[in-house]
N, C-alpha and C. Protein backbone atom coordinates (compact mmCIF):
# COMPACT_ATOMS: atom_id res chain seq x y z
N MET A 1 26.43 42.31 -24.04
CA MET A 1 25.25 42.69 -23.18
C MET A 1 24.39 41.55 -23.26
N SER A 2 23.81 41.36 -21.80
CA SER A 2 22.91 40.18 -22.04
C SER A 2 21.40 40.91 -22.14
N LEU A 3 20.47 39.90 -22.31
CA LEU A 3 19.00 40.37 -22.58
C LEU A 3 18.38 41.11 -21.38
N ALA A 4 18.93 40.59 -20.13
CA ALA A 4 18.44 41.39 -19.04
C ALA A 4 18.73 42.55 -18.95
N GLU A 5 20.11 43.09 -19.36
CA GLU A 5 20.59 44.33 -19.59
C GLU A 5 20.01 45.20 -20.44
N ILE A 6 19.64 44.43 -21.62
CA ILE A 6 19.25 45.21 -22.42
C ILE A 6 17.65 45.75 -22.27
N VAL A 7 16.86 44.60 -21.60
CA VAL A 7 15.33 44.88 -21.29
C VAL A 7 15.20 45.79 -20.03
N PHE A 8 16.10 45.62 -18.94
CA PHE A 8 15.66 46.20 -17.81
C PHE A 8 16.80 47.34 -17.52
N LYS A 9 17.79 47.69 -18.30
CA LYS A 9 18.67 48.85 -18.08
C LYS A 9 18.97 49.65 -19.01
N ARG A 10 18.20 49.58 -20.19
CA ARG A 10 18.55 50.31 -21.21
C ARG A 10 17.20 50.74 -22.01
N PRO A 11 16.42 51.68 -21.94
CA PRO A 11 16.43 52.65 -20.77
C PRO A 11 16.16 52.02 -19.48
N LEU A 12 16.27 52.55 -18.59
CA LEU A 12 15.91 52.04 -17.18
C LEU A 12 14.51 51.47 -17.15
N TRP A 13 14.37 50.10 -16.58
CA TRP A 13 13.03 49.69 -16.20
C TRP A 13 12.29 50.56 -15.15
N GLN A 14 10.98 50.95 -15.46
CA GLN A 14 10.29 51.68 -14.58
C GLN A 14 8.90 50.84 -14.30
N PRO A 15 8.80 50.43 -12.96
CA PRO A 15 7.64 49.85 -12.71
C PRO A 15 6.43 50.64 -12.93
N SER A 16 5.51 50.01 -13.95
CA SER A 16 4.18 50.45 -14.07
C SER A 16 3.16 49.65 -14.74
N TYR A 17 1.97 49.52 -14.50
CA TYR A 17 1.14 48.77 -15.13
C TYR A 17 1.22 48.65 -16.85
N SER A 18 1.58 49.91 -17.37
CA SER A 18 1.53 50.13 -18.84
C SER A 18 2.83 49.26 -19.35
N ASN A 19 3.98 49.41 -18.57
CA ASN A 19 5.21 48.69 -18.87
C ASN A 19 5.08 47.19 -18.63
N HIS A 20 4.36 46.81 -17.70
CA HIS A 20 4.24 45.25 -17.50
C HIS A 20 3.46 44.75 -18.83
N VAL A 21 2.35 45.70 -19.13
CA VAL A 21 1.59 45.18 -20.26
C VAL A 21 2.62 45.18 -21.51
N THR A 22 3.58 46.14 -21.87
CA THR A 22 4.53 46.23 -22.85
C THR A 22 5.46 44.96 -22.74
N LEU A 23 5.98 44.59 -21.62
CA LEU A 23 6.94 43.45 -21.30
C LEU A 23 5.94 42.27 -21.95
N ALA A 24 4.87 41.91 -21.52
CA ALA A 24 4.03 40.84 -21.86
C ALA A 24 4.01 40.88 -23.30
N ARG A 25 3.81 41.95 -23.99
CA ARG A 25 3.67 41.89 -25.34
C ARG A 25 4.95 41.61 -26.25
N LEU A 26 6.08 41.75 -25.56
CA LEU A 26 7.33 41.57 -26.00
C LEU A 26 7.43 40.19 -26.30
N ILE A 27 7.22 39.57 -24.96
CA ILE A 27 7.24 38.28 -24.94
C ILE A 27 6.25 37.20 -25.58
N PHE A 28 5.04 37.81 -25.44
CA PHE A 28 4.02 36.72 -26.21
C PHE A 28 3.85 36.97 -27.40
N GLY A 29 4.48 38.23 -28.08
CA GLY A 29 4.23 38.52 -29.48
C GLY A 29 5.01 37.57 -30.22
N ALA A 30 6.22 37.10 -29.68
CA ALA A 30 7.21 36.19 -30.41
C ALA A 30 6.65 34.60 -30.09
N LEU A 31 6.06 34.59 -28.94
CA LEU A 31 5.67 33.26 -28.39
C LEU A 31 4.25 33.06 -29.51
N THR A 32 3.46 34.09 -29.68
CA THR A 32 2.45 33.77 -30.95
C THR A 32 3.02 33.18 -32.18
N THR A 33 3.93 33.72 -32.47
CA THR A 33 4.71 33.60 -33.78
C THR A 33 4.94 31.88 -33.92
N ILE A 34 5.63 31.64 -32.73
CA ILE A 34 6.20 30.29 -32.52
C ILE A 34 4.92 29.17 -32.49
N LEU A 35 3.96 29.58 -31.71
CA LEU A 35 2.90 28.72 -31.57
C LEU A 35 1.96 28.69 -33.01
N MET A 36 2.16 29.61 -33.69
CA MET A 36 1.34 29.65 -34.94
C MET A 36 2.16 28.80 -36.13
N ILE A 37 3.35 28.55 -35.88
CA ILE A 37 4.28 27.91 -36.68
C ILE A 37 4.38 26.31 -36.31
N GLU A 38 4.07 26.10 -35.01
CA GLU A 38 4.14 24.84 -34.46
C GLU A 38 2.90 24.31 -34.08
N LEU A 39 1.98 25.03 -33.64
CA LEU A 39 1.06 24.01 -32.71
C LEU A 39 -0.27 24.41 -32.99
N VAL A 40 -0.71 25.80 -33.34
CA VAL A 40 -2.01 26.38 -33.46
C VAL A 40 -2.58 26.12 -34.64
N SER A 41 -3.84 26.06 -34.45
CA SER A 41 -4.62 25.95 -36.05
C SER A 41 -4.96 27.49 -36.39
N PRO A 42 -5.02 27.77 -37.60
CA PRO A 42 -5.11 29.19 -38.03
C PRO A 42 -6.30 30.14 -37.24
N GLY A 43 -7.35 29.41 -36.95
CA GLY A 43 -8.44 30.03 -36.33
C GLY A 43 -7.79 30.56 -35.13
N VAL A 44 -7.34 29.65 -34.34
CA VAL A 44 -6.97 30.07 -32.73
C VAL A 44 -5.79 31.18 -33.22
N GLY A 45 -4.93 30.78 -34.11
CA GLY A 45 -3.80 31.89 -34.16
C GLY A 45 -4.52 33.27 -34.39
N PHE A 46 -5.56 33.22 -35.26
CA PHE A 46 -6.18 34.64 -35.50
C PHE A 46 -6.63 35.40 -34.33
N TRP A 47 -7.40 34.60 -33.34
CA TRP A 47 -7.63 35.21 -32.17
C TRP A 47 -6.70 35.41 -31.39
N LEU A 48 -5.64 34.67 -31.23
CA LEU A 48 -4.34 35.16 -30.45
C LEU A 48 -3.73 36.55 -31.08
N TYR A 49 -3.68 36.70 -32.56
CA TYR A 49 -3.27 37.82 -33.02
C TYR A 49 -4.00 39.05 -32.63
N ILE A 50 -5.37 38.82 -32.58
CA ILE A 50 -6.24 39.92 -32.21
C ILE A 50 -6.24 40.42 -30.84
N ALA A 51 -5.84 39.42 -29.96
CA ALA A 51 -5.89 39.77 -28.64
C ALA A 51 -4.56 40.44 -28.43
N TRP A 52 -3.36 39.90 -29.06
CA TRP A 52 -2.21 40.80 -28.69
C TRP A 52 -2.20 42.14 -29.33
N ALA A 53 -2.79 42.20 -30.51
CA ALA A 53 -2.93 43.41 -31.31
C ALA A 53 -3.70 44.51 -30.44
N LEU A 54 -4.64 43.99 -29.59
CA LEU A 54 -5.54 44.82 -28.81
C LEU A 54 -4.73 45.34 -27.74
N THR A 55 -3.73 44.69 -26.90
CA THR A 55 -3.09 45.06 -26.15
C THR A 55 -2.21 46.39 -26.35
N ASP A 56 -1.83 46.57 -27.70
CA ASP A 56 -1.17 47.70 -28.06
C ASP A 56 -2.00 49.07 -27.60
N ILE A 57 -3.44 48.95 -27.64
CA ILE A 57 -4.21 50.00 -27.22
C ILE A 57 -4.08 50.09 -25.75
N VAL A 58 -4.31 49.02 -25.08
CA VAL A 58 -4.34 48.72 -23.46
C VAL A 58 -2.98 49.46 -23.08
N ASP A 59 -1.89 49.17 -23.51
CA ASP A 59 -0.47 49.77 -22.59
C ASP A 59 -0.57 51.36 -22.86
N GLY A 60 -0.85 51.75 -23.93
CA GLY A 60 -0.86 53.05 -24.46
C GLY A 60 -1.82 53.80 -23.40
N SER A 61 -3.04 53.29 -23.33
CA SER A 61 -4.23 53.86 -22.52
C SER A 61 -3.75 53.81 -20.77
N LEU A 62 -3.24 52.91 -20.80
CA LEU A 62 -2.77 52.53 -19.18
C LEU A 62 -1.51 53.86 -18.78
N ALA A 63 -0.75 53.88 -19.79
CA ALA A 63 0.23 54.98 -19.58
C ALA A 63 -0.37 56.37 -19.28
N ARG A 64 -1.28 56.76 -20.16
CA ARG A 64 -1.84 58.03 -20.15
C ARG A 64 -2.90 58.12 -18.83
N ILE A 65 -3.81 56.84 -18.69
CA ILE A 65 -4.24 56.83 -17.13
C ILE A 65 -3.57 57.25 -16.15
N GLU A 66 -2.47 56.38 -16.15
CA GLU A 66 -1.49 56.52 -14.98
C GLU A 66 -0.59 57.81 -14.71
N ARG A 67 -0.92 58.73 -16.09
CA ARG A 67 -0.27 59.80 -16.34
C ARG A 67 1.41 59.83 -15.93
N ARG A 68 1.82 58.72 -16.43
CA ARG A 68 3.04 58.50 -16.29
C ARG A 68 3.99 57.59 -17.47
N PRO A 69 3.78 58.35 -18.66
CA PRO A 69 4.68 57.52 -19.62
C PRO A 69 6.05 57.27 -18.96
N THR A 70 6.66 56.55 -19.65
CA THR A 70 8.09 56.35 -19.23
C THR A 70 8.85 56.06 -20.41
N LYS A 71 10.17 56.35 -20.35
CA LYS A 71 11.13 56.06 -21.15
C LYS A 71 11.36 54.62 -21.85
N TRP A 72 11.26 53.63 -20.92
CA TRP A 72 11.37 52.49 -21.18
C TRP A 72 10.02 51.97 -21.80
N GLY A 73 8.87 52.38 -21.73
CA GLY A 73 7.80 52.17 -22.20
C GLY A 73 7.74 52.84 -23.83
N ALA A 74 8.34 53.88 -23.70
CA ALA A 74 8.31 54.45 -25.21
C ALA A 74 9.17 53.73 -26.06
N HIS A 75 10.47 53.40 -25.61
CA HIS A 75 11.41 52.45 -26.32
C HIS A 75 10.88 51.25 -26.53
N TYR A 76 10.36 50.43 -25.77
CA TYR A 76 9.97 49.16 -25.79
C TYR A 76 8.61 49.05 -26.61
N ASP A 77 8.02 49.77 -26.52
CA ASP A 77 6.36 49.42 -27.07
C ASP A 77 6.43 49.23 -28.57
N PRO A 78 7.39 50.06 -29.23
CA PRO A 78 7.43 49.94 -30.67
C PRO A 78 7.99 48.36 -31.03
N MET A 79 8.99 48.05 -30.32
CA MET A 79 9.61 46.86 -30.36
C MET A 79 8.58 45.68 -30.23
N ALA A 80 7.65 45.72 -29.14
CA ALA A 80 6.58 44.73 -29.00
C ALA A 80 5.83 44.54 -30.24
N ASP A 81 5.50 45.85 -30.91
CA ASP A 81 4.61 45.65 -32.13
C ASP A 81 5.37 45.14 -33.25
N LYS A 82 6.65 45.45 -33.39
CA LYS A 82 7.44 44.71 -34.52
C LYS A 82 7.59 43.20 -34.16
N SER A 83 7.55 42.72 -32.72
CA SER A 83 7.62 41.35 -32.53
C SER A 83 6.65 40.50 -32.97
N LEU A 84 5.40 41.27 -32.88
CA LEU A 84 4.35 40.76 -33.23
C LEU A 84 3.99 40.76 -34.74
N CYS A 85 3.97 41.91 -35.42
CA CYS A 85 3.77 41.94 -36.79
C CYS A 85 4.88 41.36 -37.65
N ASP A 86 6.24 41.39 -37.44
CA ASP A 86 7.12 41.04 -38.16
C ASP A 86 6.92 39.39 -38.20
N GLY A 87 6.74 38.76 -36.99
CA GLY A 87 6.74 37.45 -36.77
C GLY A 87 5.54 36.87 -37.57
N MET A 88 4.21 37.69 -37.47
CA MET A 88 3.17 37.13 -38.20
C MET A 88 3.40 37.25 -39.82
N LEU A 89 3.89 38.02 -40.13
CA LEU A 89 4.49 38.43 -41.62
C LEU A 89 5.34 37.08 -42.12
N LEU A 90 6.36 36.98 -41.47
CA LEU A 90 7.14 35.70 -41.72
C LEU A 90 6.28 34.31 -41.62
N TYR A 91 5.38 34.23 -40.83
CA TYR A 91 4.39 33.26 -40.58
C TYR A 91 3.67 33.16 -41.80
N LEU A 92 3.22 34.06 -42.15
CA LEU A 92 2.30 34.17 -43.77
C LEU A 92 3.11 33.94 -44.94
N CYS A 93 4.39 34.41 -44.66
CA CYS A 93 5.07 33.85 -45.91
C CYS A 93 5.61 32.48 -45.97
N ALA A 94 5.77 31.87 -44.73
CA ALA A 94 6.21 30.53 -44.69
C ALA A 94 4.95 29.52 -44.90
N SER A 95 3.63 30.34 -44.82
CA SER A 95 2.62 29.36 -45.02
C SER A 95 2.05 29.26 -46.73
N ASP A 96 3.11 29.98 -47.47
CA ASP A 96 2.87 29.91 -48.86
C ASP A 96 1.42 30.53 -49.29
N ILE A 97 1.02 31.25 -48.65
CA ILE A 97 -0.32 31.73 -49.14
C ILE A 97 -0.35 32.37 -50.31
N THR A 98 0.64 33.22 -50.36
CA THR A 98 0.85 33.84 -52.02
C THR A 98 2.38 34.17 -52.29
N PRO A 99 3.05 34.00 -53.17
CA PRO A 99 4.62 34.16 -53.12
C PRO A 99 4.97 35.53 -53.17
N TRP A 100 3.97 36.56 -53.65
CA TRP A 100 4.52 37.88 -53.67
C TRP A 100 4.46 38.50 -52.08
N LEU A 101 3.86 37.86 -51.38
CA LEU A 101 3.71 38.27 -49.80
C LEU A 101 5.37 38.68 -49.55
N TRP A 102 6.24 38.07 -50.10
CA TRP A 102 7.79 38.46 -49.43
C TRP A 102 7.82 39.75 -49.67
N LEU A 103 7.86 40.60 -50.86
CA LEU A 103 8.07 41.78 -51.02
C LEU A 103 7.52 42.68 -49.92
N PRO A 104 6.29 42.94 -49.77
CA PRO A 104 6.05 43.71 -48.61
C PRO A 104 6.68 43.42 -47.24
N THR A 105 6.75 42.08 -47.09
CA THR A 105 7.53 41.71 -45.74
C THR A 105 8.89 41.98 -45.67
N ILE A 106 9.58 42.16 -46.65
CA ILE A 106 11.06 42.43 -46.53
C ILE A 106 11.00 43.82 -46.38
N VAL A 107 10.29 44.70 -47.10
CA VAL A 107 9.89 46.23 -46.78
C VAL A 107 9.84 46.64 -45.31
N VAL A 108 8.81 45.74 -44.95
CA VAL A 108 8.60 46.08 -43.55
C VAL A 108 9.45 45.70 -42.56
N ILE A 109 9.99 44.70 -42.46
CA ILE A 109 11.04 44.24 -41.63
C ILE A 109 12.26 44.86 -41.98
N GLY A 110 12.65 45.44 -43.03
CA GLY A 110 13.87 46.19 -43.14
C GLY A 110 13.58 47.68 -42.63
N TYR A 111 12.39 48.02 -42.64
CA TYR A 111 12.08 49.26 -42.20
C TYR A 111 12.16 49.14 -40.78
N ASP A 112 11.67 48.07 -39.88
CA ASP A 112 11.88 47.79 -38.88
C ASP A 112 13.19 47.88 -37.97
N ALA A 113 14.10 47.25 -39.00
CA ALA A 113 15.35 47.13 -38.44
C ALA A 113 16.07 48.69 -38.39
N VAL A 114 16.13 49.32 -39.30
CA VAL A 114 16.44 50.58 -39.52
C VAL A 114 15.92 51.35 -38.62
N MET A 115 14.66 51.52 -38.28
CA MET A 115 13.82 52.40 -37.30
C MET A 115 14.43 51.98 -35.82
N LEU A 116 14.86 50.58 -35.53
CA LEU A 116 15.28 50.28 -34.08
C LEU A 116 16.69 50.85 -34.02
N ARG A 117 17.64 50.82 -35.11
CA ARG A 117 18.89 51.59 -35.09
C ARG A 117 18.73 53.07 -34.69
N ILE A 118 17.94 53.45 -35.43
CA ILE A 118 17.55 55.30 -35.26
C ILE A 118 17.06 55.55 -34.01
N ARG A 119 16.02 54.57 -33.35
CA ARG A 119 15.52 55.03 -32.25
C ARG A 119 16.62 54.65 -31.06
N THR A 120 17.46 53.77 -31.23
CA THR A 120 18.64 53.54 -30.26
C THR A 120 19.63 54.59 -30.28
N ASN A 121 19.75 55.19 -31.29
CA ASN A 121 20.50 56.46 -31.37
C ASN A 121 19.98 57.75 -31.16
N ARG A 122 18.57 57.65 -31.11
CA ARG A 122 17.78 59.17 -30.75
C ARG A 122 16.85 58.60 -29.72
N PRO A 123 17.09 58.42 -28.60
CA PRO A 123 16.17 58.21 -27.40
C PRO A 123 15.23 59.32 -27.19
N GLY A 124 13.97 58.78 -26.90
CA GLY A 124 12.96 59.67 -26.64
C GLY A 124 12.37 60.30 -28.01
N MET A 125 12.78 59.60 -29.20
CA MET A 125 12.00 59.98 -30.62
C MET A 125 10.78 59.67 -30.49
N SER A 126 9.64 60.48 -30.89
CA SER A 126 8.53 59.94 -30.77
C SER A 126 7.96 59.64 -32.10
N ALA A 127 7.08 58.95 -32.35
CA ALA A 127 6.37 58.12 -33.65
C ALA A 127 5.93 59.30 -34.51
N SER A 128 5.95 59.36 -35.72
CA SER A 128 5.15 60.55 -36.58
C SER A 128 3.95 59.92 -36.92
N LYS A 129 3.33 60.66 -37.27
CA LYS A 129 1.84 60.52 -37.61
C LYS A 129 1.64 59.28 -38.90
N ILE A 130 2.59 59.46 -39.72
CA ILE A 130 2.46 58.33 -40.98
C ILE A 130 2.81 57.15 -40.23
N ALA A 131 4.12 57.09 -39.55
CA ALA A 131 4.27 56.03 -38.69
C ALA A 131 3.22 55.30 -37.78
N LYS A 132 2.51 56.02 -37.02
CA LYS A 132 1.05 55.39 -36.41
C LYS A 132 0.19 54.93 -37.46
N LEU A 133 -0.18 55.58 -38.64
CA LEU A 133 -1.04 55.25 -39.33
C LEU A 133 -0.61 54.05 -40.07
N LYS A 134 0.77 53.80 -40.40
CA LYS A 134 1.60 52.43 -41.02
C LYS A 134 1.20 51.58 -39.91
N SER A 135 1.37 51.67 -38.78
CA SER A 135 1.16 50.51 -37.82
C SER A 135 -0.56 50.28 -37.78
N PHE A 136 -1.32 51.18 -37.63
CA PHE A 136 -2.59 50.69 -37.54
C PHE A 136 -2.81 49.85 -38.95
N THR A 137 -2.68 50.39 -40.15
CA THR A 137 -2.85 49.66 -41.34
C THR A 137 -2.21 48.41 -41.34
N LEU A 138 -0.92 48.24 -40.81
CA LEU A 138 -0.06 46.97 -40.72
C LEU A 138 -1.01 45.91 -40.13
N PHE A 139 -1.37 46.44 -38.75
CA PHE A 139 -2.00 45.40 -37.82
C PHE A 139 -3.41 45.33 -38.51
N PHE A 140 -4.15 45.77 -39.12
CA PHE A 140 -5.13 45.59 -39.78
C PHE A 140 -5.14 44.49 -41.06
N ALA A 141 -4.12 45.05 -41.93
CA ALA A 141 -3.75 44.10 -43.09
C ALA A 141 -3.53 42.54 -42.51
N ILE A 142 -2.58 42.29 -41.59
CA ILE A 142 -2.06 41.22 -41.08
C ILE A 142 -3.35 40.46 -40.67
N GLY A 143 -4.06 41.17 -39.71
CA GLY A 143 -5.52 40.44 -39.14
C GLY A 143 -6.21 40.01 -40.17
N SER A 144 -6.69 40.88 -41.46
CA SER A 144 -7.50 40.32 -42.19
C SER A 144 -7.00 39.22 -43.09
N ILE A 145 -5.56 39.10 -43.39
CA ILE A 145 -5.07 38.09 -44.29
C ILE A 145 -5.25 36.57 -43.02
N LEU A 146 -4.99 37.11 -41.77
CA LEU A 146 -5.00 35.96 -40.98
C LEU A 146 -6.45 35.30 -40.86
N GLY A 147 -7.40 36.44 -40.74
CA GLY A 147 -8.70 36.13 -40.83
C GLY A 147 -9.04 35.12 -42.13
N MET A 148 -8.59 35.50 -43.25
CA MET A 148 -8.85 34.98 -44.70
C MET A 148 -8.12 33.48 -44.58
N ASN A 149 -7.02 33.42 -44.29
CA ASN A 149 -6.35 32.15 -44.11
C ASN A 149 -7.09 31.04 -42.92
N ALA A 150 -7.70 31.56 -41.98
CA ALA A 150 -8.50 30.81 -41.07
C ALA A 150 -9.78 30.56 -41.52
N GLY A 151 -10.16 30.96 -42.71
CA GLY A 151 -11.54 30.61 -43.08
C GLY A 151 -12.52 31.62 -42.66
N PHE A 152 -12.40 32.65 -42.01
CA PHE A 152 -13.32 33.49 -41.62
C PHE A 152 -13.91 34.47 -42.52
N ALA A 153 -13.19 34.61 -43.74
CA ALA A 153 -13.69 35.54 -44.86
C ALA A 153 -13.40 34.72 -46.04
N ALA A 154 -14.21 35.18 -46.93
CA ALA A 154 -13.50 34.86 -48.21
C ALA A 154 -12.53 35.32 -48.84
N PRO A 155 -11.64 34.60 -49.71
CA PRO A 155 -10.32 35.36 -50.15
C PRO A 155 -10.63 36.64 -51.06
N HIS A 156 -9.90 37.75 -50.82
CA HIS A 156 -10.39 39.00 -51.52
C HIS A 156 -8.81 39.43 -51.59
N LEU A 157 -8.54 40.12 -52.43
CA LEU A 157 -7.44 41.18 -53.01
C LEU A 157 -7.09 42.33 -51.92
N TRP A 158 -8.13 42.88 -51.33
CA TRP A 158 -7.88 44.15 -50.68
C TRP A 158 -6.72 44.09 -49.50
N PRO A 159 -7.00 43.05 -48.51
CA PRO A 159 -5.98 43.04 -47.57
C PRO A 159 -4.60 43.09 -47.96
N TYR A 160 -4.30 42.43 -48.99
CA TYR A 160 -2.73 42.46 -49.62
C TYR A 160 -2.48 43.77 -50.31
N LEU A 161 -3.51 44.43 -50.66
CA LEU A 161 -3.53 46.04 -51.13
C LEU A 161 -3.05 46.88 -50.10
N VAL A 162 -3.71 46.45 -49.03
CA VAL A 162 -3.54 47.54 -47.51
C VAL A 162 -2.20 47.21 -47.20
N LEU A 163 -1.81 45.76 -47.17
CA LEU A 163 -0.34 45.32 -46.85
C LEU A 163 0.57 46.03 -47.69
N CYS A 164 0.23 46.24 -48.78
CA CYS A 164 1.42 47.02 -49.99
C CYS A 164 1.11 48.37 -49.46
N ALA A 165 -0.08 48.86 -49.08
CA ALA A 165 -0.06 50.38 -48.90
C ALA A 165 0.63 50.76 -47.38
N ALA A 166 0.63 49.51 -46.67
CA ALA A 166 1.73 49.90 -45.44
C ALA A 166 3.08 49.67 -45.47
N SER A 167 3.61 48.79 -46.36
CA SER A 167 4.85 48.89 -46.83
C SER A 167 5.36 50.15 -47.46
N LEU A 168 4.61 50.86 -48.36
CA LEU A 168 4.52 52.14 -48.87
C LEU A 168 4.72 53.19 -47.92
N MET A 169 3.87 52.93 -46.83
CA MET A 169 4.08 54.14 -45.83
C MET A 169 5.30 53.99 -44.90
N CYS A 170 5.85 52.56 -44.91
CA CYS A 170 7.19 52.44 -44.29
C CYS A 170 8.20 53.37 -45.13
N LEU A 171 8.21 53.05 -46.19
CA LEU A 171 9.07 53.72 -47.07
C LEU A 171 9.35 55.41 -46.93
N ILE A 172 7.91 55.74 -47.04
CA ILE A 172 7.78 57.52 -46.65
C ILE A 172 8.05 57.80 -45.42
N SER A 173 7.79 57.11 -44.39
CA SER A 173 8.25 57.19 -43.09
C SER A 173 9.70 57.24 -42.73
N LEU A 174 10.23 56.26 -43.34
CA LEU A 174 11.73 56.02 -43.08
C LEU A 174 12.46 57.29 -43.83
N VAL A 175 12.01 57.72 -45.14
CA VAL A 175 12.52 59.03 -45.67
C VAL A 175 12.45 59.94 -44.74
N ARG A 176 11.23 60.33 -44.17
CA ARG A 176 10.94 61.42 -43.37
C ARG A 176 11.83 61.43 -41.95
N TYR A 177 12.10 60.23 -41.49
CA TYR A 177 12.87 60.04 -40.24
C TYR A 177 14.44 60.27 -40.49
N LEU A 178 14.93 59.95 -41.94
CA LEU A 178 16.13 60.03 -42.07
C LEU A 178 16.58 61.32 -42.52
N ARG A 179 15.70 62.04 -42.86
CA ARG A 179 15.84 63.72 -43.20
C ARG A 179 15.80 64.34 -42.11
N GLY A 180 15.15 63.94 -40.96
CA GLY A 180 15.16 64.91 -39.99
C GLY A 180 15.12 64.65 -38.52
């Protein structure tokens, strides 16, 4: 199956402003990771991450304003989150900020891979409250670590603890999804 078939046919593409934002998030989430690795200073990368993280709020708000949430958006919005968060976690691990960052990264990416499979088999499945809290916590932890890496804040332990909390929420959420 080609990328075009995956993106535009499963579930069917439904033109809306929110879906266009989600499609941009899918593309630019991965592109932001590549830019961070190859070209961009940590400060610029931090602001790129913040901009793309905020678009998560925009696409959901647009869907509600338009009063037409779509199956396509419900399916691909979580993928856009994963594209950005997982990419940034891999970037942070590759940056050698701290060696134990790999453990929560493996948990988060493993959770995302399993959830992708579950969502593919259960179309229309909505996110649980703990999964939404996990996403917010993960966005916040990654942004905080990127900000410290860019020199915008003094190094602290708390963003790493928040990241560990997000990885624990991944495990709790996964158990709940697998049970029911």
